[in-house]
Protein backbone atom coordinates (compact mmCIF):
# COMPACT_ATOMS: atom_id res chain seq x y z
CA MET A 1 -211.63 59.40 188.40
CA SER A 2 -213.05 60.29 191.96
CA ARG A 3 -215.50 57.88 193.42
CA VAL A 4 -218.25 59.39 195.30
CA MET A 5 -219.66 57.98 198.15
CA CYS A 6 -222.71 58.02 200.22
CA ARG A 7 -221.47 58.37 203.73
CA ASN A 8 -222.73 58.20 207.13
CA ARG A 9 -222.14 62.10 209.01
CA VAL A 10 -221.05 60.88 212.20
CA THR A 11 -219.53 57.99 211.75
CA GLY A 12 -218.25 58.21 208.94
CA THR A 13 -219.24 54.92 206.93
CA ASP A 14 -220.07 54.51 203.72
CA VAL A 15 -223.54 53.56 203.49
CA GLU A 16 -226.32 53.44 201.13
CA ASP A 17 -227.16 55.96 197.90
CA ALA A 18 -231.23 56.06 199.08
CA LEU A 19 -229.42 57.37 201.98
CA CYS A 20 -228.25 60.83 200.62
CA ASN A 21 -229.96 63.04 199.03
CA ALA A 22 -230.00 62.34 194.81
CA ALA A 23 -229.85 65.90 193.88
CA ASN A 24 -226.94 67.14 196.07
CA ARG A 25 -224.99 64.06 195.03
CA PRO A 26 -221.64 65.91 193.23
CA GLU A 27 -220.00 64.34 189.68
CA PRO A 28 -216.97 62.57 189.66
CA THR A 29 -213.61 64.34 188.93
CA VAL A 30 -210.77 63.00 186.33
CA GLU A 31 -208.36 64.81 186.51
CA LEU A 32 -205.23 63.88 184.32
CA CYS A 33 -202.10 63.12 185.13
CA ASN A 34 -198.79 62.24 183.07
CA THR A 35 -199.87 65.14 180.21
CA HIS A 36 -195.88 65.19 179.96
CA THR A 37 -194.02 64.22 176.41
CA CYS A 38 -192.23 60.86 177.01
CA PRO A 39 -188.57 61.52 176.09
CA PRO A 40 -188.05 60.37 171.78
CA ARG A 41 -187.56 56.42 171.51
CA TRP A 42 -187.53 53.29 168.64
CA ILE A 43 -190.18 52.35 167.02
CA ALA A 44 -189.83 48.98 165.63
CA ASP A 45 -192.70 46.04 163.34
CA GLU A 46 -192.20 42.81 162.96
CA TRP A 47 -189.75 41.22 161.37
CA SER A 48 -190.61 41.28 157.10
CA PRO A 49 -190.41 37.26 155.96
CA CYS A 50 -186.62 36.19 155.16
CA SER A 51 -186.70 37.27 151.19
CA ARG A 52 -185.47 33.06 150.11
CA LEU A 53 -186.98 29.77 151.65
CA CYS A 54 -184.00 28.90 152.06
CA GLY A 55 -180.34 29.21 151.61
CA PRO A 56 -178.86 32.86 153.18
CA GLY A 57 -181.34 35.65 153.10
CA VAL A 58 -182.69 39.46 154.46
CA ARG A 59 -184.99 39.95 156.19
CA GLU A 60 -186.11 43.80 157.05
CA ARG A 61 -188.40 45.76 159.26
CA MET A 62 -189.42 49.50 159.48
CA VAL A 63 -187.80 51.38 162.83
CA VAL A 64 -189.39 55.26 163.48
CA CYS A 65 -187.70 57.31 166.39
CA ALA A 66 -191.24 58.96 167.33
CA GLU A 67 -192.57 60.58 171.56
CA GLU A 68 -195.60 59.30 173.21
CA SER A 69 -197.87 62.00 174.27
CA ASN A 70 -200.91 60.81 176.10
CA GLY A 71 -201.19 57.52 174.44
CA ILE A 72 -200.52 59.70 170.92
CA LYS A 73 -197.61 58.77 169.18
CA THR A 74 -195.13 61.31 166.88
CA ARG A 75 -192.57 60.42 164.66
CA VAL A 76 -189.86 62.15 164.90
CA ALA A 77 -186.43 62.96 163.30
CA ASP A 78 -183.64 60.38 164.03
CA ILE A 79 -181.29 62.43 165.19
CA MET A 80 -183.61 62.82 168.67
CA CYS A 81 -183.94 59.42 169.71
CA PRO A 82 -181.13 57.60 171.35
CA LEU A 83 -177.59 55.62 169.68
CA PRO A 84 -177.46 52.78 168.33
CA LYS A 85 -180.68 52.32 165.54
CA PRO A 86 -182.42 49.36 166.13
CA PRO A 87 -180.99 47.27 162.65
CA THR A 88 -183.69 48.14 159.99
CA GLN A 89 -182.54 44.36 158.05
CA GLU A 90 -180.78 41.48 159.24
CA GLN A 91 -179.64 38.28 157.60
CA CYS A 92 -181.50 35.01 157.43
CA ILE A 93 -181.26 31.31 156.81
CA MET A 94 -184.75 29.41 155.85
CA GLU A 95 -182.78 25.64 155.62
CA GLU A 96 -180.23 25.03 153.29
CA CYS A 97 -180.93 24.15 149.76
CA PRO A 98 -181.08 21.30 147.58
CA LYS A 99 -177.36 21.04 145.77
CA TRP A 100 -177.04 18.17 143.10
CA GLU A 101 -175.06 15.40 143.31
CA VAL A 102 -173.68 12.97 141.09
CA GLU A 103 -173.27 9.08 141.61
CA GLU A 104 -170.26 6.93 140.70
CA TRP A 105 -170.87 4.63 137.22
CA THR A 106 -173.94 2.50 137.49
CA SER A 107 -174.47 -0.67 135.04
CA LEU A 108 -177.22 -0.46 133.01
CA SER A 109 -176.97 -4.71 132.09
CA ASN A 110 -179.25 -5.53 135.53
CA TYR A 111 -182.12 -3.78 133.68
CA VAL A 112 -181.90 -4.12 130.22
CA ASN A 113 -180.17 -6.56 127.67
CA ALA A 114 -177.94 -3.65 126.54
CA ALA A 115 -174.03 -3.81 127.47
CA SER A 116 -174.55 0.29 128.63
CA THR A 117 -173.69 1.84 131.04
CA SER A 118 -174.95 5.82 132.45
CA TYR A 119 -174.90 7.65 135.41
CA GLU A 120 -178.09 8.46 138.08
CA VAL A 121 -178.78 12.31 139.45
CA LEU A 122 -179.91 12.51 142.68
CA ARG A 123 -181.20 15.76 144.62
CA SER A 124 -180.49 15.76 148.24
CA TRP A 125 -180.25 18.50 150.93
CA MET A 126 -177.11 19.66 151.32
CA ALA A 127 -175.55 23.49 151.57
CA PHE A 128 -174.09 24.65 148.95
């Protein structure tokens, strides 16, 4: 955008706007630039959450080929974008899943008067 200034005719320095005739003040002008269409490029959304809470899963995102002109993006055919296309899926692991483990047999004689045996099953955080 152009800037309108009030200037002294002799010195060429900027002066107060009140010293110039307001009726003759020109309007600022706007000159368009970068009006050409940019080359198509890949635009990727954010990754989705992992498909599983634990262990191996998959997350996805949308990737489209688009060109931009004057700030407006327009989707175009994938063939117009450079290769390779960014991935739309990837593997993810949030954390290792818990698994069951069996402990050794223990005597219950400490807990009851009967001389019987049993075992305990524990849940621990270990990989498959």
